[in-house]
Amino acid sequence: MNADAMNAIDAIQPPRPIAAPRPAAQATAFPGLGELIRLTEEALGQRDCTAIVATLRARLPALIARHRGALGGEFLRADPQRRRRVELHHCPVLGYQILAMIWGPGQGTPIHDHHELWGVESTWHGELLVADFQPTTVAGELVRLEPRDAVCMRTGEALGLTPEQGLHLCRNPSQREVAVTVHIYARALDRFNLYVDAGDGWYRRREYCPETEY
């Protein structure tokens, strides 16, 4: 892992208290949402999660290129206290969820998992640093984690998560620009685990329910 990535990881702070709810964005105004829904449902026809993730990763860059120029307004408005998490679509039949996340300069997450869901995360505006971790020892709620690769997703790029591999932290590395990302998950990610530094390479796992705008 390079020095820039490690510095970015060190800059992550634990979650701040949840702010009072703000008016939700108009999800249907997100550019290309209809095409994104169709692409997701076509990919789901393959049933195997590895194939689904590979298809979405392969086809998202072209979709982003077609629509990112129309991104604006509410979807470029950052909350100075925390990243915004906006549900764009939740299919009541197939169960998958599509979220937009708006990251203010320097905003990020603690290390977290995805409750063993597959997922695909893509950058529509700005950049997002993603640093992976691997558990090496588990002792109840305590987990020893080892840093793995760190990548910086630039606009138009996507990465995939499988149920076996999905432990990471994310951060907007820019100190000036907002970042916007879109996340597709197998089902609604309304709870997951955070990993809080307990010292000496150990992290304490605790369940977390994020606030989501609808």
C-alpha atoms as a PDB file:
ATOM      1  CA  MET A   1       0.000   0.000   0.000  1.00  0.00           C
ATOM      2  CA  ASN A   2       1.534   3.351  -0.962  1.00  0.00           C
ATOM      3  CA  ALA A   3       2.201   6.280   1.404  1.00  0.00           C
ATOM      4  CA  ASP A   4      -0.661   8.419   0.065  1.00  0.00           C
ATOM      5  CA  ALA A   5      -3.129   5.618   0.715  1.00  0.00           C
ATOM      6  CA  MET A   6      -1.823   5.078   4.237  1.00  0.00           C
ATOM      7  CA  ASN A   7      -2.061   8.809   4.988  1.00  0.00           C
ATOM      8  CA  ALA A   8      -5.644   8.806   3.744  1.00  0.00           C
ATOM      9  CA  ILE A   9      -6.461   5.834   5.965  1.00  0.00           C
ATOM     10  CA  ASP A  10      -4.951   7.574   8.992  1.00  0.00           C
ATOM     11  CA  ALA A  11      -7.139  10.617   8.324  1.00  0.00           C
ATOM     12  CA  ILE A  12     -10.403   8.662   8.698  1.00  0.00           C
ATOM     13  CA  GLN A  13     -12.318   9.549  11.838  1.00  0.00           C
ATOM     14  CA  PRO A  14     -15.028   7.479  13.600  1.00  0.00           C
ATOM     15  CA  PRO A  15     -18.612   8.261  12.554  1.00  0.00           C
ATOM     16  CA  ARG A  16     -19.983  11.521  13.864  1.00  0.00           C
ATOM     17  CA  PRO A  17     -23.396  11.664  15.534  1.00  0.00           C
ATOM     18  CA  ILE A  18     -26.182  11.473  12.975  1.00  0.00           C
ATOM     19  CA  ALA A  19     -27.442  14.901  11.997  1.00  0.00           C
ATOM     20  CA  ALA A  20     -31.116  15.797  11.810  1.00  0.00           C
ATOM     21  CA  PRO A  21     -32.772  14.494   8.621  1.00  0.00           C
ATOM     22  CA  ARG A  22     -32.690  16.843   5.634  1.00  0.00           C
ATOM     23  CA  PRO A  23     -35.105  16.968   2.687  1.00  0.00           C
ATOM     24  CA  ALA A  24     -34.526  13.986   0.419  1.00  0.00           C
ATOM     25  CA  ALA A  25     -33.172  14.405  -3.089  1.00  0.00           C
ATOM     26  CA  GLN A  26     -35.445  13.607  -5.985  1.00  0.00           C
ATOM     27  CA  ALA A  27     -34.024  10.181  -6.795  1.00  0.00           C
ATOM     28  CA  THR A  28     -35.751   9.989 -10.159  1.00  0.00           C
ATOM     29  CA  ALA A  29     -33.779  13.056 -11.264  1.00  0.00           C
ATOM     30  CA  PHE A  30     -30.499  11.156 -11.073  1.00  0.00           C
ATOM     31  CA  PRO A  31     -29.183  11.052 -14.671  1.00  0.00           C
ATOM     32  CA  GLY A  32     -29.350   7.642 -16.338  1.00  0.00           C
ATOM     33  CA  LEU A  33     -31.235   5.989 -13.478  1.00  0.00           C
ATOM     34  CA  GLY A  34     -33.662   4.177 -15.780  1.00  0.00           C
ATOM     35  CA  GLU A  35     -30.792   2.770 -17.836  1.00  0.00           C
ATOM     36  CA  LEU A  36     -28.970   1.813 -14.629  1.00  0.00           C
ATOM     37  CA  ILE A  37     -32.020  -0.118 -13.410  1.00  0.00           C
ATOM     38  CA  ARG A  38     -32.326  -1.951 -16.742  1.00  0.00           C
ATOM     39  CA  LEU A  39     -28.618  -2.819 -16.729  1.00  0.00           C
ATOM     40  CA  THR A  40     -28.836  -4.174 -13.180  1.00  0.00           C
ATOM     41  CA  GLU A  41     -31.841  -6.352 -13.970  1.00  0.00           C
ATOM     42  CA  GLU A  42     -30.190  -7.701 -17.133  1.00  0.00           C
ATOM     43  CA  ALA A  43     -27.107  -8.608 -15.093  1.00  0.00           C
ATOM     44  CA  LEU A  44     -29.246 -10.296 -12.423  1.00  0.00           C
ATOM     45  CA  GLY A  45     -30.468 -12.717 -15.090  1.00  0.00           C
ATOM     46  CA  GLN A  46     -27.096 -14.464 -14.821  1.00  0.00           C
ATOM     47  CA  ARG A  47     -27.863 -15.444 -11.197  1.00  0.00           C
ATOM     48  CA  ASP A  48     -24.216 -16.221 -10.318  1.00  0.00           C
ATOM     49  CA  CYS A  49     -22.912 -13.308  -8.228  1.00  0.00           C
ATOM     50  CA  THR A  50     -19.434 -13.378  -9.787  1.00  0.00           C
ATOM     51  CA  ALA A  51     -20.919 -13.071 -13.261  1.00  0.00           C
ATOM     52  CA  ILE A  52     -23.358 -10.346 -12.135  1.00  0.00           C
ATOM     53  CA  VAL A  53     -20.542  -8.257 -10.650  1.00  0.00           C
ATOM     54  CA  ALA A  54     -18.320  -8.760 -13.712  1.00  0.00           C
ATOM     55  CA  THR A  55     -21.104  -7.669 -16.086  1.00  0.00           C
ATOM     56  CA  LEU A  56     -21.910  -4.539 -14.111  1.00  0.00           C
ATOM     57  CA  ARG A  57     -18.244  -3.569 -13.828  1.00  0.00           C
ATOM     58  CA  ALA A  58     -17.733  -4.042 -17.561  1.00  0.00           C
ATOM     59  CA  ARG A  59     -20.771  -2.026 -18.656  1.00  0.00           C
ATOM     60  CA  LEU A  60     -20.929   0.769 -16.087  1.00  0.00           C
ATOM     61  CA  PRO A  61     -18.076   2.916 -17.507  1.00  0.00           C
ATOM     62  CA  ALA A  62     -19.927   3.493 -20.788  1.00  0.00           C
ATOM     63  CA  LEU A  63     -23.181   4.263 -18.965  1.00  0.00           C
ATOM     64  CA  ILE A  64     -21.409   6.756 -16.696  1.00  0.00           C
ATOM     65  CA  ALA A  65     -19.773   8.432 -19.695  1.00  0.00           C
ATOM     66  CA  ARG A  66     -23.191   8.945 -21.303  1.00  0.00           C
ATOM     67  CA  HIS A  67     -24.850  10.505 -18.260  1.00  0.00           C
ATOM     68  CA  ARG A  68     -22.342  12.036 -15.848  1.00  0.00           C
ATOM     69  CA  GLY A  69     -22.365  15.370 -17.662  1.00  0.00           C
ATOM     70  CA  ALA A  70     -25.980  15.858 -16.541  1.00  0.00           C
ATOM     71  CA  LEU A  71     -25.150  15.326 -12.870  1.00  0.00           C
ATOM     72  CA  GLY A  72     -25.795  18.455 -10.841  1.00  0.00           C
ATOM     73  CA  GLY A  73     -28.034  20.229  -8.375  1.00  0.00           C
ATOM     74  CA  GLU A  74     -28.979  18.196  -5.333  1.00  0.00           C
ATOM     75  CA  PHE A  75     -26.579  15.410  -6.261  1.00  0.00           C
ATOM     76  CA  LEU A  76     -23.561  17.700  -6.040  1.00  0.00           C
ATOM     77  CA  ARG A  77     -24.604  19.176  -2.686  1.00  0.00           C
ATOM     78  CA  ALA A  78     -22.425  17.875   0.126  1.00  0.00           C
ATOM     79  CA  ASP A  79     -23.363  17.865   3.808  1.00  0.00           C
ATOM     80  CA  PRO A  80     -20.459  19.433   5.733  1.00  0.00           C
ATOM     81  CA  GLN A  81     -21.035  17.056   8.675  1.00  0.00           C
ATOM     82  CA  ARG A  82     -21.090  13.683   6.930  1.00  0.00           C
ATOM     83  CA  ARG A  83     -21.382  11.970   3.591  1.00  0.00           C
ATOM     84  CA  ARG A  84     -24.891  11.794   2.171  1.00  0.00           C
ATOM     85  CA  ARG A  85     -26.467   8.429   1.374  1.00  0.00           C
ATOM     86  CA  VAL A  86     -29.435   8.628  -1.018  1.00  0.00           C
ATOM     87  CA  GLU A  87     -31.522   5.646  -2.086  1.00  0.00           C
ATOM     88  CA  LEU A  88     -32.175   5.901  -5.822  1.00  0.00           C
ATOM     89  CA  HIS A  89     -34.057   2.610  -6.226  1.00  0.00           C
ATOM     90  CA  HIS A  90     -34.995  -0.464  -4.211  1.00  0.00           C
ATOM     91  CA  CYS A  91     -36.651  -3.194  -6.248  1.00  0.00           C
ATOM     92  CA  PRO A  92     -39.476  -4.792  -4.226  1.00  0.00           C
ATOM     93  CA  VAL A  93     -39.399  -7.946  -6.361  1.00  0.00           C
ATOM     94  CA  LEU A  94     -35.712  -8.672  -6.998  1.00  0.00           C
ATOM     95  CA  GLY A  95     -34.547  -7.033  -3.777  1.00  0.00           C
ATOM     96  CA  TYR A  96     -31.505  -5.126  -5.081  1.00  0.00           C
ATOM     97  CA  GLN A  97     -30.751  -1.567  -4.019  1.00  0.00           C
ATOM     98  CA  ILE A  98     -29.100   1.364  -5.825  1.00  0.00           C
ATOM     99  CA  LEU A  99     -27.627   4.161  -3.700  1.00  0.00           C
ATOM    100  CA  ALA A 100     -25.916   7.448  -4.522  1.00  0.00           C
ATOM    101  CA  MET A 101     -23.351   8.725  -2.053  1.00  0.00           C
ATOM    102  CA  ILE A 102     -22.199  12.336  -1.993  1.00  0.00           C
ATOM    103  CA  TRP A 103     -18.841  12.856  -0.283  1.00  0.00           C
ATOM    104  CA  GLY A 104     -17.688  16.290   0.818  1.00  0.00           C
ATOM    105  CA  PRO A 105     -13.961  17.080   0.628  1.00  0.00           C
ATOM    106  CA  GLY A 106     -12.024  14.663   2.825  1.00  0.00           C
ATOM    107  CA  GLN A 107     -15.110  12.775   4.025  1.00  0.00           C
ATOM    108  CA  GLY A 108     -14.842   9.027   4.448  1.00  0.00           C
ATOM    109  CA  THR A 109     -15.945   5.914   6.296  1.00  0.00           C
ATOM    110  CA  PRO A 110     -14.406   3.728   8.974  1.00  0.00           C
ATOM    111  CA  ILE A 111     -13.515   0.178   7.993  1.00  0.00           C
ATOM    112  CA  HIS A 112     -16.787  -1.642   7.318  1.00  0.00           C
ATOM    113  CA  ASP A 113     -18.221  -4.787   5.744  1.00  0.00           C
ATOM    114  CA  HIS A 114     -21.288  -5.339   3.554  1.00  0.00           C
ATOM    115  CA  HIS A 115     -23.065  -8.138   5.467  1.00  0.00           C
ATOM    116  CA  GLU A 116     -21.828 -10.710   2.936  1.00  0.00           C
ATOM    117  CA  LEU A 117     -23.586  -9.065  -0.003  1.00  0.00           C
ATOM    118  CA  TRP A 118     -22.220  -8.745  -3.515  1.00  0.00           C
ATOM    119  CA  GLY A 119     -21.998  -5.188  -4.770  1.00  0.00           C
ATOM    120  CA  VAL A 120     -20.587  -2.838  -7.379  1.00  0.00           C
ATOM    121  CA  GLU A 121     -19.404   0.678  -6.550  1.00  0.00           C
ATOM    122  CA  SER A 122     -18.696   3.297  -9.228  1.00  0.00           C
ATOM    123  CA  THR A 123     -17.491   6.887  -9.355  1.00  0.00           C
ATOM    124  CA  TRP A 124     -19.599   9.429 -11.250  1.00  0.00           C
ATOM    125  CA  HIS A 125     -17.850  12.632 -10.168  1.00  0.00           C
ATOM    126  CA  GLY A 126     -14.448  13.192  -8.573  1.00  0.00           C
ATOM    127  CA  GLU A 127     -12.438  10.349  -7.051  1.00  0.00           C
ATOM    128  CA  LEU A 128     -12.851   7.817  -4.248  1.00  0.00           C
ATOM    129  CA  LEU A 129     -10.031   6.099  -2.391  1.00  0.00           C
ATOM    130  CA  VAL A 130     -10.876   2.490  -1.446  1.00  0.00           C
ATOM    131  CA  ALA A 131      -8.565   0.547   0.886  1.00  0.00           C
ATOM    132  CA  ASP A 132      -9.164  -3.179   1.426  1.00  0.00           C
ATOM    133  CA  PHE A 133      -8.546  -5.160   4.611  1.00  0.00           C
ATOM    134  CA  GLN A 134      -8.268  -8.877   5.335  1.00  0.00           C
ATOM    135  CA  PRO A 135      -9.218 -10.456   8.690  1.00  0.00           C
ATOM    136  CA  THR A 136      -6.471 -12.709  10.022  1.00  0.00           C
ATOM    137  CA  THR A 137      -7.726 -13.609  13.520  1.00  0.00           C
ATOM    138  CA  VAL A 138     -11.187 -13.485  15.094  1.00  0.00           C
ATOM    139  CA  ALA A 139     -11.796 -13.531  18.852  1.00  0.00           C
ATOM    140  CA  GLY A 140     -15.472 -12.819  19.536  1.00  0.00           C
ATOM    141  CA  GLU A 141     -16.155  -9.170  18.703  1.00  0.00           C
ATOM    142  CA  LEU A 142     -12.448  -8.509  18.200  1.00  0.00           C
ATOM    143  CA  VAL A 143     -10.885  -8.977  14.776  1.00  0.00           C
ATOM    144  CA  ARG A 144      -7.275  -8.543  13.728  1.00  0.00           C
ATOM    145  CA  LEU A 145      -7.122  -6.864  10.315  1.00  0.00           C
ATOM    146  CA  GLU A 146      -4.303  -6.630   7.807  1.00  0.00           C
ATOM    147  CA  PRO A 147      -4.248  -3.850   5.160  1.00  0.00           C
ATOM    148  CA  ARG A 148      -4.356  -5.061   1.568  1.00  0.00           C
ATOM    149  CA  ASP A 149      -4.577  -3.111  -1.676  1.00  0.00           C
ATOM    150  CA  ALA A 150      -5.670   0.511  -1.951  1.00  0.00           C
ATOM    151  CA  VAL A 151      -7.008   1.964  -5.193  1.00  0.00           C
ATOM    152  CA  CYS A 152      -8.229   5.390  -6.207  1.00  0.00           C
ATOM    153  CA  MET A 153     -11.369   5.093  -8.334  1.00  0.00           C
ATOM    154  CA  ARG A 154     -11.484   7.937 -10.821  1.00  0.00           C
ATOM    155  CA  THR A 155     -14.594   9.179 -12.591  1.00  0.00           C
ATOM    156  CA  GLY A 156     -16.025   6.424 -14.779  1.00  0.00           C
ATOM    157  CA  GLU A 157     -14.382   3.527 -12.918  1.00  0.00           C
ATOM    158  CA  ALA A 158     -16.078   0.732 -10.972  1.00  0.00           C
ATOM    159  CA  LEU A 159     -15.037  -2.013  -8.580  1.00  0.00           C
ATOM    160  CA  GLY A 160     -16.802  -5.155  -7.431  1.00  0.00           C
ATOM    161  CA  LEU A 161     -17.471  -6.760  -4.055  1.00  0.00           C
ATOM    162  CA  THR A 162     -18.222 -10.428  -3.496  1.00  0.00           C
ATOM    163  CA  PRO A 163     -19.695 -12.017  -0.354  1.00  0.00           C
ATOM    164  CA  GLU A 164     -16.202 -13.323   0.470  1.00  0.00           C
ATOM    165  CA  GLN A 165     -14.391 -10.033  -0.119  1.00  0.00           C
ATOM    166  CA  GLY A 166     -15.991  -6.779   0.961  1.00  0.00           C
ATOM    167  CA  LEU A 167     -14.092  -5.347   3.929  1.00  0.00           C
ATOM    168  CA  HIS A 168     -12.795  -1.849   3.211  1.00  0.00           C
ATOM    169  CA  LEU A 169     -12.858   1.849   3.979  1.00  0.00           C
ATOM    170  CA  CYS A 170     -13.600   4.667   1.534  1.00  0.00           C
ATOM    171  CA  ARG A 171     -12.595   8.312   1.400  1.00  0.00           C
ATOM    172  CA  ASN A 172     -12.849  11.298  -0.897  1.00  0.00           C
ATOM    173  CA  PRO A 173      -9.140  12.190  -1.209  1.00  0.00           C
ATOM    174  CA  SER A 174      -9.773  15.714  -2.479  1.00  0.00           C
ATOM    175  CA  GLN A 175      -9.624  18.629  -0.076  1.00  0.00           C
ATOM    176  CA  ARG A 176     -11.616  20.825  -2.476  1.00  0.00           C
ATOM    177  CA  GLU A 177     -13.958  18.761  -4.663  1.00  0.00           C
ATOM    178  CA  VAL A 178     -17.158  16.825  -3.981  1.00  0.00           C
ATOM    179  CA  ALA A 179     -17.207  13.159  -5.037  1.00  0.00           C
ATOM    180  CA  VAL A 180     -20.327  11.279  -6.164  1.00  0.00           C
ATOM    181  CA  THR A 181     -20.498   7.487  -6.270  1.00  0.00           C
ATOM    182  CA  VAL A 182     -23.218   4.963  -7.113  1.00  0.00           C
ATOM    183  CA  HIS A 183     -23.484   1.661  -5.235  1.00  0.00           C
ATOM    184  CA  ILE A 184     -25.503  -1.369  -6.357  1.00  0.00           C
ATOM    185  CA  TYR A 185     -26.093  -4.102  -3.754  1.00  0.00           C
ATOM    186  CA  ALA A 186     -27.804  -7.484  -3.901  1.00  0.00           C
ATOM    187  CA  ARG A 187     -30.319  -6.300  -1.302  1.00  0.00           C
ATOM    188  CA  ALA A 188     -30.857  -3.243   0.861  1.00  0.00           C
ATOM    189  CA  LEU A 189     -27.719  -2.498   2.858  1.00  0.00           C
ATOM    190  CA  ASP A 190     -29.536  -1.013   5.839  1.00  0.00           C
ATOM    191  CA  ARG A 191     -27.211  -2.502   8.450  1.00  0.00           C
ATOM    192  CA  PHE A 192     -23.615  -3.662   8.454  1.00  0.00           C
ATOM    193  CA  ASN A 193     -20.592  -3.860  10.741  1.00  0.00           C
ATOM    194  CA  LEU A 194     -18.081  -1.140  11.527  1.00  0.00           C
ATOM    195  CA  TYR A 195     -14.604  -2.082  12.735  1.00  0.00           C
ATOM    196  CA  VAL A 196     -13.379   0.328  15.420  1.00  0.00           C
ATOM    197  CA  ASP A 197      -9.677   0.483  16.247  1.00  0.00           C
ATOM    198  CA  ALA A 198      -9.043  -1.267  19.586  1.00  0.00           C
ATOM    199  CA  GLY A 199      -5.245  -0.977  19.435  1.00  0.00           C
ATOM    200  CA  ASP A 200      -2.358  -3.271  18.532  1.00  0.00           C
ATOM    201  CA  GLY A 201      -3.873  -4.247  15.184  1.00  0.00           C
ATOM    202  CA  TRP A 202      -7.196  -5.331  16.699  1.00  0.00           C
ATOM    203  CA  TYR A 203     -10.591  -3.906  15.765  1.00  0.00           C
ATOM    204  CA  ARG A 204     -13.898  -4.193  17.602  1.00  0.00           C
ATOM    205  CA  ARG A 205     -16.834  -5.148  15.389  1.00  0.00           C
ATOM    206  CA  ARG A 206     -20.139  -3.412  16.011  1.00  0.00           C
ATOM    207  CA  GLU A 207     -23.366  -3.281  14.061  1.00  0.00           C
ATOM    208  CA  TYR A 208     -24.328   0.017  12.467  1.00  0.00           C
ATOM    209  CA  CYS A 209     -27.551   1.259  10.842  1.00  0.00           C
ATOM    210  CA  PRO A 210     -26.812   4.179   8.521  1.00  0.00           C
ATOM    211  CA  GLU A 211     -29.162   7.083   7.870  1.00  0.00           C
ATOM    212  CA  THR A 212     -30.483   7.066   4.311  1.00  0.00           C
ATOM    213  CA  GLU A 213     -32.327   9.742   2.337  1.00  0.00           C
ATOM    214  CA  TYR A 214     -35.249   8.595   0.199  1.00  0.00           C
END
